[in-house]
Amino acid sequence: MLNSLDGIRDETGASETAWAKWTRLWTAEENRHGDVMNKYMYLTGRVNMRAVESTIQRLIASGMDPKTENNPYLGFVYTSFQERATKVSHTNTAVDAKKYGDEVLSSMCRNIASDEARHEVGYGKIVEQLFMRDPDGAMLAFADMMRKQIVMPAHMMSDGEHEQNTGGRNLFADFSAIAEKTGTYTAWDYADIMDFLIKKWDVPARKGLKPEAEEAQQYLCKLPDRIRKLAERSASRKAKQPVKSVPFSWIYGRELQI
């Protein structure tokens, strides 16, 4: 994604610019995360690797649309948020793995979370500099991404059979519902990340903004509480709805309650 952003694009695929090198190294490290998780699942013998590999193939073929529009401001806001989100989810997975006695998985996820934390620091510092040099532009970009909502890179995933096996249900939506139910990554985490970034980038204290940027500032400062209220209402509605059992091909069609 980053190698397509205006101003930092990797023009040749092997450019020697600092931006291009950073993007390739970041991508390589993220690839290692996927590799180690893939090997772990294979070695457990408990996962349908054919279904997993089919999902990976389809996901890469589908691509992703983070809604950054080749704009580096939007791109770095997105990565700042997304890296913290993956740090949170991997940390929570590590906690659950340890709780259920899998020290190997717990250690692996903690190491991945540590990598994500370092990525987050890097991208967060870039946005700090954007706020220093162009506070109006940075504020508008932050608000723009929050209005669009941050989508995870796997939002277009498909295993080629989930919709057929569940009467048209969306695989990523069901996957996200499981993550929410298990506390791996929730709407409250989303709001907490927003709060963190708002404080990190000193959003409430920014002065001298143009009217449009000031409006964006006010929107951002109110948004975390709004998200929490929406999450509470959603949780209340779900609690009144009957539990649904949904099969997942990754675990040989075993049904999970969502």
C-alpha atoms as a PDB file:
ATOM      1  CA  MET A   1       0.000   0.000   0.000  1.00  0.00           C
ATOM      2  CA  LEU A   2       2.656   2.544   1.034  1.00  0.00           C
ATOM      3  CA  ASN A   3       4.670   2.099  -2.135  1.00  0.00           C
ATOM      4  CA  SER A   4       1.786   3.607  -4.133  1.00  0.00           C
ATOM      5  CA  LEU A   5       1.363   6.820  -2.114  1.00  0.00           C
ATOM      6  CA  ASP A   6       2.179  10.113  -3.803  1.00  0.00           C
ATOM      7  CA  GLY A   7       5.555  11.519  -2.817  1.00  0.00           C
ATOM      8  CA  ILE A   8       6.884   8.298  -1.289  1.00  0.00           C
ATOM      9  CA  ARG A   9       6.149   5.904  -4.159  1.00  0.00           C
ATOM     10  CA  ASP A  10       8.654   3.170  -4.940  1.00  0.00           C
ATOM     11  CA  GLU A  11       9.009   4.065  -8.614  1.00  0.00           C
ATOM     12  CA  THR A  12      10.971   0.982  -9.695  1.00  0.00           C
ATOM     13  CA  GLY A  13      10.153  -1.624  -7.050  1.00  0.00           C
ATOM     14  CA  ALA A  14      13.796  -1.529  -5.977  1.00  0.00           C
ATOM     15  CA  SER A  15      14.309   2.184  -5.410  1.00  0.00           C
ATOM     16  CA  GLU A  16      17.124   3.278  -3.087  1.00  0.00           C
ATOM     17  CA  THR A  17      15.118   6.121  -1.538  1.00  0.00           C
ATOM     18  CA  ALA A  18      14.632   6.005   2.229  1.00  0.00           C
ATOM     19  CA  TRP A  19      10.859   5.757   1.842  1.00  0.00           C
ATOM     20  CA  ALA A  20      11.114   2.802  -0.552  1.00  0.00           C
ATOM     21  CA  LYS A  21      13.594   0.953   1.661  1.00  0.00           C
ATOM     22  CA  TRP A  22      11.429   1.465   4.734  1.00  0.00           C
ATOM     23  CA  THR A  23       8.324   0.178   2.926  1.00  0.00           C
ATOM     24  CA  ARG A  24      10.069  -2.966   1.675  1.00  0.00           C
ATOM     25  CA  LEU A  25      11.567  -3.724   5.088  1.00  0.00           C
ATOM     26  CA  TRP A  26       8.197  -3.170   6.768  1.00  0.00           C
ATOM     27  CA  THR A  27       6.487  -5.437   4.238  1.00  0.00           C
ATOM     28  CA  ALA A  28       9.139  -8.127   4.735  1.00  0.00           C
ATOM     29  CA  GLU A  29       8.649  -8.049   8.490  1.00  0.00           C
ATOM     30  CA  GLU A  30       4.874  -8.268   8.165  1.00  0.00           C
ATOM     31  CA  ASN A  31       5.360 -11.235   5.839  1.00  0.00           C
ATOM     32  CA  ARG A  32       7.374 -12.991   8.549  1.00  0.00           C
ATOM     33  CA  HIS A  33       4.422 -12.619  10.894  1.00  0.00           C
ATOM     34  CA  GLY A  34       2.177 -14.382   8.412  1.00  0.00           C
ATOM     35  CA  ASP A  35       4.764 -17.086   7.779  1.00  0.00           C
ATOM     36  CA  VAL A  36       5.256 -17.997  11.428  1.00  0.00           C
ATOM     37  CA  MET A  37       1.514 -18.067  12.098  1.00  0.00           C
ATOM     38  CA  ASN A  38       1.004 -20.235   9.011  1.00  0.00           C
ATOM     39  CA  LYS A  39       3.699 -22.713  10.095  1.00  0.00           C
ATOM     40  CA  TYR A  40       2.290 -22.834  13.614  1.00  0.00           C
ATOM     41  CA  MET A  41      -1.192 -23.706  12.332  1.00  0.00           C
ATOM     42  CA  TYR A  42       0.240 -26.393  10.054  1.00  0.00           C
ATOM     43  CA  LEU A  43       2.238 -27.995  12.865  1.00  0.00           C
ATOM     44  CA  THR A  44      -0.722 -28.113  15.249  1.00  0.00           C
ATOM     45  CA  GLY A  45      -2.567 -30.391  12.845  1.00  0.00           C
ATOM     46  CA  ARG A  46      -5.818 -28.819  14.003  1.00  0.00           C
ATOM     47  CA  VAL A  47      -6.383 -26.443  11.116  1.00  0.00           C
ATOM     48  CA  ASN A  48      -7.632 -27.100   7.597  1.00  0.00           C
ATOM     49  CA  MET A  49      -4.630 -25.696   5.772  1.00  0.00           C
ATOM     50  CA  ARG A  50      -6.232 -26.189   2.368  1.00  0.00           C
ATOM     51  CA  ALA A  51      -9.002 -23.776   3.399  1.00  0.00           C
ATOM     52  CA  VAL A  52      -6.469 -21.381   4.946  1.00  0.00           C
ATOM     53  CA  GLU A  53      -4.302 -21.347   1.814  1.00  0.00           C
ATOM     54  CA  SER A  54      -7.380 -20.852  -0.352  1.00  0.00           C
ATOM     55  CA  THR A  55      -8.322 -17.853   1.795  1.00  0.00           C
ATOM     56  CA  ILE A  56      -4.817 -16.377   1.507  1.00  0.00           C
ATOM     57  CA  GLN A  57      -4.792 -16.862  -2.276  1.00  0.00           C
ATOM     58  CA  ARG A  58      -8.193 -15.214  -2.659  1.00  0.00           C
ATOM     59  CA  LEU A  59      -7.324 -12.376  -0.292  1.00  0.00           C
ATOM     60  CA  ILE A  60      -4.145 -11.453  -2.158  1.00  0.00           C
ATOM     61  CA  ALA A  61      -6.012 -11.700  -5.461  1.00  0.00           C
ATOM     62  CA  SER A  62      -8.801  -9.448  -4.142  1.00  0.00           C
ATOM     63  CA  GLY A  63      -6.403  -6.802  -2.840  1.00  0.00           C
ATOM     64  CA  MET A  64      -7.445  -4.201  -0.294  1.00  0.00           C
ATOM     65  CA  ASP A  65      -8.922  -0.727  -0.270  1.00  0.00           C
ATOM     66  CA  PRO A  66      -7.850   1.244   2.820  1.00  0.00           C
ATOM     67  CA  LYS A  67      -9.454   4.374   1.317  1.00  0.00           C
ATOM     68  CA  THR A  68      -6.197   6.325   1.454  1.00  0.00           C
ATOM     69  CA  GLU A  69      -6.549   7.546  -2.147  1.00  0.00           C
ATOM     70  CA  ASN A  70      -2.755   7.543  -2.734  1.00  0.00           C
ATOM     71  CA  ASN A  71      -2.549  10.404  -0.193  1.00  0.00           C
ATOM     72  CA  PRO A  72       0.457  10.019   2.152  1.00  0.00           C
ATOM     73  CA  TYR A  73      -1.304  11.946   4.939  1.00  0.00           C
ATOM     74  CA  LEU A  74      -4.192   9.472   4.856  1.00  0.00           C
ATOM     75  CA  GLY A  75      -1.785   6.563   4.441  1.00  0.00           C
ATOM     76  CA  PHE A  76       0.217   7.375   7.541  1.00  0.00           C
ATOM     77  CA  VAL A  77      -2.877   8.015   9.651  1.00  0.00           C
ATOM     78  CA  TYR A  78      -4.148   4.630   8.508  1.00  0.00           C
ATOM     79  CA  THR A  79      -0.925   2.774   9.337  1.00  0.00           C
ATOM     80  CA  SER A  80      -0.598   4.519  12.714  1.00  0.00           C
ATOM     81  CA  PHE A  81      -4.056   3.268  13.649  1.00  0.00           C
ATOM     82  CA  GLN A  82      -3.793  -0.143  12.034  1.00  0.00           C
ATOM     83  CA  GLU A  83      -0.420  -1.000  13.597  1.00  0.00           C
ATOM     84  CA  ARG A  84      -1.753  -0.217  17.070  1.00  0.00           C
ATOM     85  CA  ALA A  85      -4.866  -2.280  16.338  1.00  0.00           C
ATOM     86  CA  THR A  86      -2.791  -5.317  15.356  1.00  0.00           C
ATOM     87  CA  LYS A  87      -0.610  -4.840  18.431  1.00  0.00           C
ATOM     88  CA  VAL A  88      -3.745  -4.938  20.573  1.00  0.00           C
ATOM     89  CA  SER A  89      -5.184  -8.013  18.862  1.00  0.00           C
ATOM     90  CA  HIS A  90      -1.927  -9.986  18.995  1.00  0.00           C
ATOM     91  CA  THR A  91      -1.434  -9.059  22.648  1.00  0.00           C
ATOM     92  CA  ASN A  92      -4.939 -10.226  23.498  1.00  0.00           C
ATOM     93  CA  THR A  93      -4.382 -13.458  21.571  1.00  0.00           C
ATOM     94  CA  ALA A  94      -1.177 -14.002  23.564  1.00  0.00           C
ATOM     95  CA  VAL A  95      -3.080 -13.561  26.827  1.00  0.00           C
ATOM     96  CA  ASP A  96      -5.743 -16.078  25.767  1.00  0.00           C
ATOM     97  CA  ALA A  97      -3.137 -18.567  24.534  1.00  0.00           C
ATOM     98  CA  LYS A  98      -1.341 -18.463  27.888  1.00  0.00           C
ATOM     99  CA  LYS A  99      -4.657 -18.792  29.731  1.00  0.00           C
ATOM    100  CA  TYR A 100      -5.383 -22.029  27.864  1.00  0.00           C
ATOM    101  CA  GLY A 101      -1.863 -23.415  28.294  1.00  0.00           C
ATOM    102  CA  ASP A 102      -0.242 -22.723  24.916  1.00  0.00           C
ATOM    103  CA  GLU A 103       3.005 -21.011  25.876  1.00  0.00           C
ATOM    104  CA  VAL A 104       4.433 -21.295  22.342  1.00  0.00           C
ATOM    105  CA  LEU A 105       1.537 -19.441  20.727  1.00  0.00           C
ATOM    106  CA  SER A 106       1.542 -16.901  23.546  1.00  0.00           C
ATOM    107  CA  SER A 107       5.249 -16.151  23.093  1.00  0.00           C
ATOM    108  CA  MET A 108       4.884 -15.957  19.324  1.00  0.00           C
ATOM    109  CA  CYS A 109       2.008 -13.490  19.497  1.00  0.00           C
ATOM    110  CA  ARG A 110       3.829 -11.327  22.042  1.00  0.00           C
ATOM    111  CA  ASN A 111       6.832 -11.138  19.722  1.00  0.00           C
ATOM    112  CA  ILE A 112       4.595 -10.137  16.818  1.00  0.00           C
ATOM    113  CA  ALA A 113       2.873  -7.544  19.019  1.00  0.00           C
ATOM    114  CA  SER A 114       6.311  -6.106  19.872  1.00  0.00           C
ATOM    115  CA  ASP A 115       7.101  -5.723  16.172  1.00  0.00           C
ATOM    116  CA  GLU A 116       3.757  -4.008  15.605  1.00  0.00           C
ATOM    117  CA  ALA A 117       4.479  -1.643  18.492  1.00  0.00           C
ATOM    118  CA  ARG A 118       7.725  -0.569  16.837  1.00  0.00           C
ATOM    119  CA  HIS A 119       5.941  -0.032  13.531  1.00  0.00           C
ATOM    120  CA  GLU A 120       3.326   2.039  15.329  1.00  0.00           C
ATOM    121  CA  VAL A 121       5.989   4.273  16.857  1.00  0.00           C
ATOM    122  CA  GLY A 122       7.517   4.924  13.442  1.00  0.00           C
ATOM    123  CA  TYR A 123       4.273   5.830  11.728  1.00  0.00           C
ATOM    124  CA  GLY A 124       3.057   7.831  14.712  1.00  0.00           C
ATOM    125  CA  LYS A 125       6.177   9.989  14.585  1.00  0.00           C
ATOM    126  CA  ILE A 126       5.624  10.680  10.900  1.00  0.00           C
ATOM    127  CA  VAL A 127       2.119  11.982  11.632  1.00  0.00           C
ATOM    128  CA  GLU A 128       3.530  14.053  14.527  1.00  0.00           C
ATOM    129  CA  GLN A 129       5.751  15.777  11.989  1.00  0.00           C
ATOM    130  CA  LEU A 130       2.768  16.341   9.683  1.00  0.00           C
ATOM    131  CA  PHE A 131       0.958  18.080  12.543  1.00  0.00           C
ATOM    132  CA  MET A 132       4.019  20.230  13.214  1.00  0.00           C
ATOM    133  CA  ARG A 133       4.524  21.264   9.589  1.00  0.00           C
ATOM    134  CA  ASP A 134       0.933  21.287   8.319  1.00  0.00           C
ATOM    135  CA  PRO A 135      -1.538  21.190  11.235  1.00  0.00           C
ATOM    136  CA  ASP A 136      -4.549  21.973   9.059  1.00  0.00           C
ATOM    137  CA  GLY A 137      -3.765  19.267   6.521  1.00  0.00           C
ATOM    138  CA  ALA A 138      -2.969  16.700   9.199  1.00  0.00           C
ATOM    139  CA  MET A 139      -6.163  17.450  11.118  1.00  0.00           C
ATOM    140  CA  LEU A 140      -8.286  17.126   7.993  1.00  0.00           C
ATOM    141  CA  ALA A 141      -6.575  13.869   7.048  1.00  0.00           C
ATOM    142  CA  PHE A 142      -7.103  12.380  10.515  1.00  0.00           C
ATOM    143  CA  ALA A 143     -10.789  13.308  10.477  1.00  0.00           C
ATOM    144  CA  ASP A 144     -11.196  12.048   6.907  1.00  0.00           C
ATOM    145  CA  MET A 145      -9.863   8.596   7.797  1.00  0.00           C
ATOM    146  CA  MET A 146     -12.044   8.419  10.895  1.00  0.00           C
ATOM    147  CA  ARG A 147     -15.147   9.330   8.893  1.00  0.00           C
ATOM    148  CA  LYS A 148     -14.321   6.556   6.440  1.00  0.00           C
ATOM    149  CA  GLN A 149     -13.510   4.207   9.327  1.00  0.00           C
ATOM    150  CA  ILE A 150     -10.347   2.161   9.523  1.00  0.00           C
ATOM    151  CA  VAL A 151     -10.782  -1.198   7.824  1.00  0.00           C
ATOM    152  CA  MET A 152      -8.391  -4.064   8.477  1.00  0.00           C
ATOM    153  CA  PRO A 153      -6.269  -5.333   5.558  1.00  0.00           C
ATOM    154  CA  ALA A 154      -8.216  -8.622   5.408  1.00  0.00           C
ATOM    155  CA  HIS A 155     -11.618  -6.990   4.918  1.00  0.00           C
ATOM    156  CA  MET A 156     -11.980  -8.475   1.422  1.00  0.00           C
ATOM    157  CA  MET A 157     -11.115 -12.053   2.365  1.00  0.00           C
ATOM    158  CA  SER A 158     -13.038 -15.083   1.151  1.00  0.00           C
ATOM    159  CA  ASP A 159     -12.504 -18.832   1.379  1.00  0.00           C
ATOM    160  CA  GLY A 160     -14.729 -19.504  -1.621  1.00  0.00           C
ATOM    161  CA  GLU A 161     -17.306 -21.417   0.394  1.00  0.00           C
ATOM    162  CA  HIS A 162     -18.381 -19.480   3.485  1.00  0.00           C
ATOM    163  CA  GLU A 163     -21.188 -17.599   1.770  1.00  0.00           C
ATOM    164  CA  GLN A 164     -22.522 -20.787   0.219  1.00  0.00           C
ATOM    165  CA  ASN A 165     -22.322 -22.737   3.493  1.00  0.00           C
ATOM    166  CA  THR A 166     -23.973 -20.024   5.584  1.00  0.00           C
ATOM    167  CA  GLY A 167     -26.701 -18.701   3.355  1.00  0.00           C
ATOM    168  CA  GLY A 168     -24.807 -15.669   2.110  1.00  0.00           C
ATOM    169  CA  ARG A 169     -22.997 -14.550   5.248  1.00  0.00           C
ATOM    170  CA  ASN A 170     -19.792 -12.513   4.870  1.00  0.00           C
ATOM    171  CA  LEU A 171     -16.634 -14.279   6.074  1.00  0.00           C
ATOM    172  CA  PHE A 172     -14.850 -11.178   7.339  1.00  0.00           C
ATOM    173  CA  ALA A 173     -17.964  -9.978   9.181  1.00  0.00           C
ATOM    174  CA  ASP A 174     -18.293 -13.353  10.922  1.00  0.00           C
ATOM    175  CA  PHE A 175     -14.561 -13.446  11.651  1.00  0.00           C
ATOM    176  CA  SER A 176     -14.837  -9.956  13.179  1.00  0.00           C
ATOM    177  CA  ALA A 177     -17.832 -11.048  15.252  1.00  0.00           C
ATOM    178  CA  ILE A 178     -15.754 -13.858  16.757  1.00  0.00           C
ATOM    179  CA  ALA A 179     -12.913 -11.423  17.485  1.00  0.00           C
ATOM    180  CA  GLU A 180     -15.413  -9.140  19.220  1.00  0.00           C
ATOM    181  CA  LYS A 181     -16.981 -11.956  21.239  1.00  0.00           C
ATOM    182  CA  THR A 182     -13.632 -13.323  22.434  1.00  0.00           C
ATOM    183  CA  GLY A 183     -12.315  -9.849  23.264  1.00  0.00           C
ATOM    184  CA  THR A 184      -9.500 -10.184  20.747  1.00  0.00           C
ATOM    185  CA  TYR A 185     -10.390  -6.884  19.080  1.00  0.00           C
ATOM    186  CA  THR A 186     -13.517  -4.900  19.899  1.00  0.00           C
ATOM    187  CA  ALA A 187     -15.289  -1.641  19.205  1.00  0.00           C
ATOM    188  CA  TRP A 188     -14.036  -0.443  22.595  1.00  0.00           C
ATOM    189  CA  ASP A 189     -10.469  -1.130  21.427  1.00  0.00           C
ATOM    190  CA  TYR A 190     -11.210   0.984  18.351  1.00  0.00           C
ATOM    191  CA  ALA A 191     -12.359   3.874  20.561  1.00  0.00           C
ATOM    192  CA  ASP A 192      -9.340   3.468  22.870  1.00  0.00           C
ATOM    193  CA  ILE A 193      -6.966   3.657  19.891  1.00  0.00           C
ATOM    194  CA  MET A 194      -8.673   6.844  18.767  1.00  0.00           C
ATOM    195  CA  ASP A 195      -8.269   8.305  22.252  1.00  0.00           C
ATOM    196  CA  PHE A 196      -4.600   7.341  22.268  1.00  0.00           C
ATOM    197  CA  LEU A 197      -3.866   8.962  18.903  1.00  0.00           C
ATOM    198  CA  ILE A 198      -5.845  12.096  19.744  1.00  0.00           C
ATOM    199  CA  LYS A 199      -3.687  12.565  22.846  1.00  0.00           C
ATOM    200  CA  LYS A 200      -0.451  11.500  21.144  1.00  0.00           C
ATOM    201  CA  TRP A 201      -0.906  14.067  18.390  1.00  0.00           C
ATOM    202  CA  ASP A 202      -2.162  16.706  20.818  1.00  0.00           C
ATOM    203  CA  VAL A 203      -5.335  17.190  18.798  1.00  0.00           C
ATOM    204  CA  PRO A 204      -7.436  19.096  21.402  1.00  0.00           C
ATOM    205  CA  ALA A 205      -4.722  21.693  22.061  1.00  0.00           C
ATOM    206  CA  ARG A 206      -4.057  22.688  18.446  1.00  0.00           C
ATOM    207  CA  LYS A 207      -4.612  26.422  17.974  1.00  0.00           C
ATOM    208  CA  GLY A 208      -4.806  28.742  14.987  1.00  0.00           C
ATOM    209  CA  LEU A 209      -6.500  26.251  12.730  1.00  0.00           C
ATOM    210  CA  LYS A 210      -8.527  27.225   9.702  1.00  0.00           C
ATOM    211  CA  PRO A 211     -12.320  26.866  10.138  1.00  0.00           C
ATOM    212  CA  GLU A 212     -12.520  23.564   8.260  1.00  0.00           C
ATOM    213  CA  ALA A 213      -9.681  22.069  10.280  1.00  0.00           C
ATOM    214  CA  GLU A 214     -11.170  23.388  13.516  1.00  0.00           C
ATOM    215  CA  GLU A 215     -14.435  21.651  12.656  1.00  0.00           C
ATOM    216  CA  ALA A 216     -12.485  18.443  12.035  1.00  0.00           C
ATOM    217  CA  GLN A 217     -10.762  18.891  15.414  1.00  0.00           C
ATOM    218  CA  GLN A 218     -14.098  19.106  17.219  1.00  0.00           C
ATOM    219  CA  TYR A 219     -15.383  16.046  15.359  1.00  0.00           C
ATOM    220  CA  LEU A 220     -12.328  14.002  16.351  1.00  0.00           C
ATOM    221  CA  CYS A 221     -12.461  14.951  20.020  1.00  0.00           C
ATOM    222  CA  LYS A 222     -16.095  13.853  20.319  1.00  0.00           C
ATOM    223  CA  LEU A 223     -15.774  10.658  18.299  1.00  0.00           C
ATOM    224  CA  PRO A 224     -14.351   8.153  20.853  1.00  0.00           C
ATOM    225  CA  ASP A 225     -17.250   8.668  23.272  1.00  0.00           C
ATOM    226  CA  ARG A 226     -19.697   8.426  20.400  1.00  0.00           C
ATOM    227  CA  ILE A 227     -18.168   5.112  19.297  1.00  0.00           C
ATOM    228  CA  ARG A 228     -18.400   3.751  22.846  1.00  0.00           C
ATOM    229  CA  LYS A 229     -22.078   4.674  23.058  1.00  0.00           C
ATOM    230  CA  LEU A 230     -22.744   2.991  19.718  1.00  0.00           C
ATOM    231  CA  ALA A 231     -20.828  -0.081  20.905  1.00  0.00           C
ATOM    232  CA  GLU A 232     -22.928  -0.253  24.076  1.00  0.00           C
ATOM    233  CA  ARG A 233     -26.144  -0.072  22.065  1.00  0.00           C
ATOM    234  CA  SER A 234     -24.898  -2.717  19.662  1.00  0.00           C
ATOM    235  CA  ALA A 235     -23.910  -5.021  22.516  1.00  0.00           C
ATOM    236  CA  SER A 236     -27.315  -4.524  24.114  1.00  0.00           C
ATOM    237  CA  ARG A 237     -29.072  -5.437  20.864  1.00  0.00           C
ATOM    238  CA  LYS A 238     -26.910  -8.515  20.343  1.00  0.00           C
ATOM    239  CA  ALA A 239     -27.592  -9.711  23.884  1.00  0.00           C
ATOM    240  CA  LYS A 240     -31.307  -9.852  23.056  1.00  0.00           C
ATOM    241  CA  GLN A 241     -30.808 -11.721  19.782  1.00  0.00           C
ATOM    242  CA  PRO A 242     -30.661 -15.523  19.520  1.00  0.00           C
ATOM    243  CA  VAL A 243     -27.163 -16.990  19.308  1.00  0.00           C
ATOM    244  CA  LYS A 244     -26.186 -18.166  15.822  1.00  0.00           C
ATOM    245  CA  SER A 245     -23.901 -21.086  15.050  1.00  0.00           C
ATOM    246  CA  VAL A 246     -21.712 -20.511  12.006  1.00  0.00           C
ATOM    247  CA  PRO A 247     -19.339 -23.061  10.417  1.00  0.00           C
ATOM    248  CA  PHE A 248     -15.783 -22.050   9.496  1.00  0.00           C
ATOM    249  CA  SER A 249     -13.859 -23.953   6.839  1.00  0.00           C
ATOM    250  CA  TRP A 250     -10.538 -23.196   8.551  1.00  0.00           C
ATOM    251  CA  ILE A 251     -11.467 -25.555  11.381  1.00  0.00           C
ATOM    252  CA  TYR A 252     -13.052 -28.256   9.218  1.00  0.00           C
ATOM    253  CA  GLY A 253     -16.545 -26.829   9.305  1.00  0.00           C
ATOM    254  CA  ARG A 254     -16.749 -26.658  13.080  1.00  0.00           C
ATOM    255  CA  GLU A 255     -19.479 -24.282  14.164  1.00  0.00           C
ATOM    256  CA  LEU A 256     -18.780 -21.313  16.413  1.00  0.00           C
ATOM    257  CA  GLN A 257     -21.404 -19.235  18.158  1.00  0.00           C
ATOM    258  CA  ILE A 258     -21.624 -15.577  17.224  1.00  0.00           C
END
